[in-house]
Amino acid sequence: MFEVTLLSKETQGGVQKASFLTSDVVCSRQIDIETDGDIVRSVRFTGGCHGNTQGLSALVAGMKKADVISRLEGINCKARGTSCPDQLARALKML
């Protein structure tokens, strides 16, 4: 119900870049993720609470995907059943 939709995914030189459309119940509209193996290199949100999404992106850079998922999965914003952090966890699970 609150799943993310893969828009694109490509790998170049071991670095994977993927873009996801988020659920329409969250403020962000898209998440762009860059990973190197199991490490999150960068995350960029389109839309959402700018300061919060920038902070979240800075915090997860350099972390293992599994660690990000375990910390963010299930976070609920305003009783919506999901959140921008939860959407990021769902996207990372697809990579």
Protein backbone atom coordinates (compact mmCIF):
# COMPACT_ATOMS: atom_id res chain seq x y z
CA MET A 1 0.00 0.00 0.00
CA PHE A 2 2.80 2.43 0.86
CA GLU A 3 5.42 0.91 -1.42
CA VAL A 4 7.89 2.92 -3.44
CA THR A 5 8.08 2.53 -7.21
CA LEU A 6 11.40 2.02 -8.97
CA LEU A 7 11.74 4.62 -11.74
CA SER A 8 15.27 3.84 -12.90
CA LYS A 9 18.37 1.92 -11.88
CA GLU A 10 21.83 1.81 -13.43
CA THR A 11 25.26 0.63 -12.37
CA GLN A 12 28.53 2.20 -13.50
CA GLY A 13 31.91 1.21 -12.13
CA GLY A 14 30.34 -0.61 -9.18
CA VAL A 15 28.25 2.41 -8.18
CA GLN A 16 24.51 1.89 -8.39
CA LYS A 17 22.19 4.84 -8.95
CA ALA A 18 18.45 4.40 -8.50
CA SER A 19 15.42 6.68 -8.45
CA PHE A 20 12.15 5.89 -6.70
CA LEU A 21 8.71 7.46 -6.75
CA THR A 22 7.41 7.67 -3.18
CA SER A 23 3.93 6.94 -1.87
CA ASP A 24 1.52 9.83 -2.34
CA VAL A 25 0.87 10.02 1.42
CA VAL A 26 4.33 11.43 2.20
CA CYS A 27 5.60 14.95 1.52
CA SER A 28 8.56 13.91 -0.65
CA ARG A 29 7.86 12.90 -4.25
CA GLN A 30 11.05 11.11 -5.23
CA ILE A 31 14.18 9.61 -3.69
CA ASP A 32 17.46 9.30 -5.60
CA ILE A 33 19.94 6.89 -4.05
CA GLU A 34 23.56 6.13 -4.86
CA THR A 35 25.18 3.02 -3.36
CA ASP A 36 28.55 1.35 -3.61
CA GLY A 37 28.08 -2.30 -2.72
CA ASP A 38 26.24 -2.33 0.59
CA ILE A 39 27.21 1.26 1.47
CA VAL A 40 24.89 4.23 0.94
CA ARG A 41 26.94 6.93 -0.78
CA SER A 42 24.24 9.59 -1.13
CA VAL A 43 20.49 10.17 -0.88
CA ARG A 44 18.55 13.07 -2.38
CA PHE A 45 14.87 13.71 -1.73
CA THR A 46 12.68 15.75 -4.08
CA GLY A 47 10.06 17.55 -2.05
CA GLY A 48 9.43 16.97 1.63
CA CYS A 49 10.60 18.99 4.60
CA HIS A 50 13.86 20.34 3.18
CA GLY A 51 15.81 20.55 6.42
CA ASN A 52 14.68 17.13 7.61
CA THR A 53 15.41 15.38 4.33
CA GLN A 54 18.82 17.07 4.07
CA GLY A 55 19.61 15.99 7.61
CA LEU A 56 18.45 12.44 6.98
CA SER A 57 20.53 12.29 3.79
CA ALA A 58 23.64 13.49 5.63
CA LEU A 59 23.15 11.01 8.46
CA VAL A 60 22.81 7.91 6.28
CA ALA A 61 25.73 8.71 3.93
CA GLY A 62 28.45 6.14 4.56
CA MET A 63 26.16 3.73 6.41
CA LYS A 64 25.47 0.13 5.43
CA LYS A 65 22.10 -0.33 3.71
CA ALA A 66 21.02 -2.91 6.31
CA ASP A 67 21.75 -0.50 9.17
CA VAL A 68 19.77 2.29 7.51
CA ILE A 69 16.84 -0.07 6.92
CA SER A 70 16.82 -1.33 10.50
CA ARG A 71 16.85 2.20 11.92
CA LEU A 72 14.29 3.81 9.59
CA GLU A 73 11.84 1.04 8.68
CA GLY A 74 8.42 1.54 10.23
CA ILE A 75 8.79 5.21 11.18
CA ASN A 76 5.32 6.70 10.97
CA CYS A 77 4.63 10.38 10.24
CA LYS A 78 1.33 11.92 11.37
CA ALA A 79 -0.43 8.52 11.50
CA ARG A 80 0.00 8.08 7.73
CA GLY A 81 1.37 4.56 8.02
CA THR A 82 4.71 5.57 6.51
CA SER A 83 7.14 8.52 6.37
CA CYS A 84 10.00 9.84 4.27
CA PRO A 85 12.50 7.80 6.36
CA ASP A 86 10.32 4.68 6.00
CA GLN A 87 10.09 5.28 2.25
CA LEU A 88 13.90 5.40 2.10
CA ALA A 89 14.09 2.08 3.97
CA ARG A 90 11.59 0.53 1.56
CA ALA A 91 13.61 1.79 -1.42
CA LEU A 92 16.87 0.43 -0.01
CA LYS A 93 15.24 -2.97 0.47
CA MET A 94 14.67 -3.06 -3.30
CA LEU A 95 18.36 -2.54 -4.10
